[in-house]
Amino acid sequence: MNWEIVEENWQDYAGNIKTRWNKLTEDHLALIDGKRVKLAGKIQEAYGFTDNEVEQELKFFERTIDQIL
């Protein structure tokens, strides 16, 4: 999956991201604005994940994104 799709349609995906990673606030989502690197950083900050764990989380999200919308 191409992350540009998420970035271009951020408002459509933001609610699903908030559901998946519920420690992220609306302010976080506004700051992330679809940027994968920013999302990874906020997930890592909120959950204390390692770089590898965050990458696994995001890859899983990317694999399942087609089922979300």
C-alpha atoms as a PDB file:
ATOM      1  CA  MET A   1       0.000   0.000   0.000  1.00  0.00           C
ATOM      2  CA  ASN A   2       1.214   3.437  -0.855  1.00  0.00           C
ATOM      3  CA  TRP A   3       1.198   5.737   2.188  1.00  0.00           C
ATOM      4  CA  GLU A   4       0.419   8.688  -0.080  1.00  0.00           C
ATOM      5  CA  ILE A   5      -3.157   7.405  -0.213  1.00  0.00           C
ATOM      6  CA  VAL A   6      -3.433   7.754   3.567  1.00  0.00           C
ATOM      7  CA  GLU A   7      -1.806  11.164   3.499  1.00  0.00           C
ATOM      8  CA  GLU A   8      -4.108  12.442   0.747  1.00  0.00           C
ATOM      9  CA  ASN A   9      -7.189  11.083   2.542  1.00  0.00           C
ATOM     10  CA  TRP A  10      -6.075  11.752   6.094  1.00  0.00           C
ATOM     11  CA  GLN A  11      -9.494  12.793   7.364  1.00  0.00           C
ATOM     12  CA  ASP A  12     -10.943   9.499   6.143  1.00  0.00           C
ATOM     13  CA  TYR A  13      -8.292   7.457   7.948  1.00  0.00           C
ATOM     14  CA  ALA A  14      -7.785   9.536  11.103  1.00  0.00           C
ATOM     15  CA  GLY A  15     -10.751   8.033  12.930  1.00  0.00           C
ATOM     16  CA  ASN A  16      -9.537   4.513  12.216  1.00  0.00           C
ATOM     17  CA  ILE A  17      -6.069   5.443  13.412  1.00  0.00           C
ATOM     18  CA  LYS A  18      -7.542   6.914  16.603  1.00  0.00           C
ATOM     19  CA  THR A  19      -9.492   3.680  17.162  1.00  0.00           C
ATOM     20  CA  ARG A  20      -6.403   1.513  16.568  1.00  0.00           C
ATOM     21  CA  TRP A  21      -4.099   3.675  18.701  1.00  0.00           C
ATOM     22  CA  ASN A  22      -6.531   5.208  21.178  1.00  0.00           C
ATOM     23  CA  LYS A  23      -3.853   6.981  23.197  1.00  0.00           C
ATOM     24  CA  LEU A  24      -3.450   9.415  20.315  1.00  0.00           C
ATOM     25  CA  THR A  25      -5.481  12.569  20.800  1.00  0.00           C
ATOM     26  CA  GLU A  26      -7.246  14.749  18.274  1.00  0.00           C
ATOM     27  CA  ASP A  27      -4.362  17.215  18.703  1.00  0.00           C
ATOM     28  CA  HIS A  28      -1.877  14.454  17.831  1.00  0.00           C
ATOM     29  CA  LEU A  29      -3.864  13.571  14.724  1.00  0.00           C
ATOM     30  CA  ALA A  30      -3.942  17.205  13.646  1.00  0.00           C
ATOM     31  CA  LEU A  31      -0.159  17.486  14.082  1.00  0.00           C
ATOM     32  CA  ILE A  32       0.494  14.197  12.267  1.00  0.00           C
ATOM     33  CA  ASP A  33      -1.557  15.363   9.263  1.00  0.00           C
ATOM     34  CA  GLY A  34      -1.051  12.076   7.421  1.00  0.00           C
ATOM     35  CA  LYS A  35       2.737  11.985   7.722  1.00  0.00           C
ATOM     36  CA  ARG A  36       3.885   8.414   8.395  1.00  0.00           C
ATOM     37  CA  VAL A  37       7.050   9.454  10.220  1.00  0.00           C
ATOM     38  CA  LYS A  38       5.090  11.736  12.536  1.00  0.00           C
ATOM     39  CA  LEU A  39       2.532   9.001  13.182  1.00  0.00           C
ATOM     40  CA  ALA A  40       5.306   6.543  14.011  1.00  0.00           C
ATOM     41  CA  GLY A  41       6.846   9.019  16.442  1.00  0.00           C
ATOM     42  CA  LYS A  42       3.555   9.708  18.214  1.00  0.00           C
ATOM     43  CA  ILE A  43       2.759   5.991  18.480  1.00  0.00           C
ATOM     44  CA  GLN A  44       6.214   5.340  19.889  1.00  0.00           C
ATOM     45  CA  GLU A  45       5.852   8.218  22.347  1.00  0.00           C
ATOM     46  CA  ALA A  46       2.367   7.183  23.491  1.00  0.00           C
ATOM     47  CA  TYR A  47       2.979   3.440  23.768  1.00  0.00           C
ATOM     48  CA  GLY A  48       6.705   3.165  24.448  1.00  0.00           C
ATOM     49  CA  PHE A  49       7.240   0.909  21.437  1.00  0.00           C
ATOM     50  CA  THR A  50      10.649   0.307  19.924  1.00  0.00           C
ATOM     51  CA  ASP A  51      11.338   1.422  16.360  1.00  0.00           C
ATOM     52  CA  ASN A  52      10.823  -2.168  15.209  1.00  0.00           C
ATOM     53  CA  GLU A  53       7.512  -2.512  17.059  1.00  0.00           C
ATOM     54  CA  VAL A  54       6.187   0.720  15.574  1.00  0.00           C
ATOM     55  CA  GLU A  55       7.211  -0.385  12.112  1.00  0.00           C
ATOM     56  CA  GLN A  56       5.415  -3.709  12.603  1.00  0.00           C
ATOM     57  CA  GLU A  57       2.298  -1.869  13.796  1.00  0.00           C
ATOM     58  CA  LEU A  58       2.303   0.434  10.782  1.00  0.00           C
ATOM     59  CA  LYS A  59       2.938  -2.390   8.321  1.00  0.00           C
ATOM     60  CA  PHE A  60      -0.012  -4.300   9.773  1.00  0.00           C
ATOM     61  CA  PHE A  61      -2.167  -1.178   9.462  1.00  0.00           C
ATOM     62  CA  GLU A  62      -1.059  -0.737   5.852  1.00  0.00           C
ATOM     63  CA  ARG A  63      -1.895  -4.381   5.036  1.00  0.00           C
ATOM     64  CA  THR A  64      -5.379  -4.064   6.497  1.00  0.00           C
ATOM     65  CA  ILE A  65      -6.198  -0.529   5.341  1.00  0.00           C
ATOM     66  CA  ASP A  66      -8.126  -1.713   2.296  1.00  0.00           C
ATOM     67  CA  GLN A  67     -10.565  -3.456   4.616  1.00  0.00           C
ATOM     68  CA  ILE A  68     -11.092  -0.293   6.665  1.00  0.00           C
ATOM     69  CA  LEU A  69     -12.624   1.934   4.015  1.00  0.00           C
END
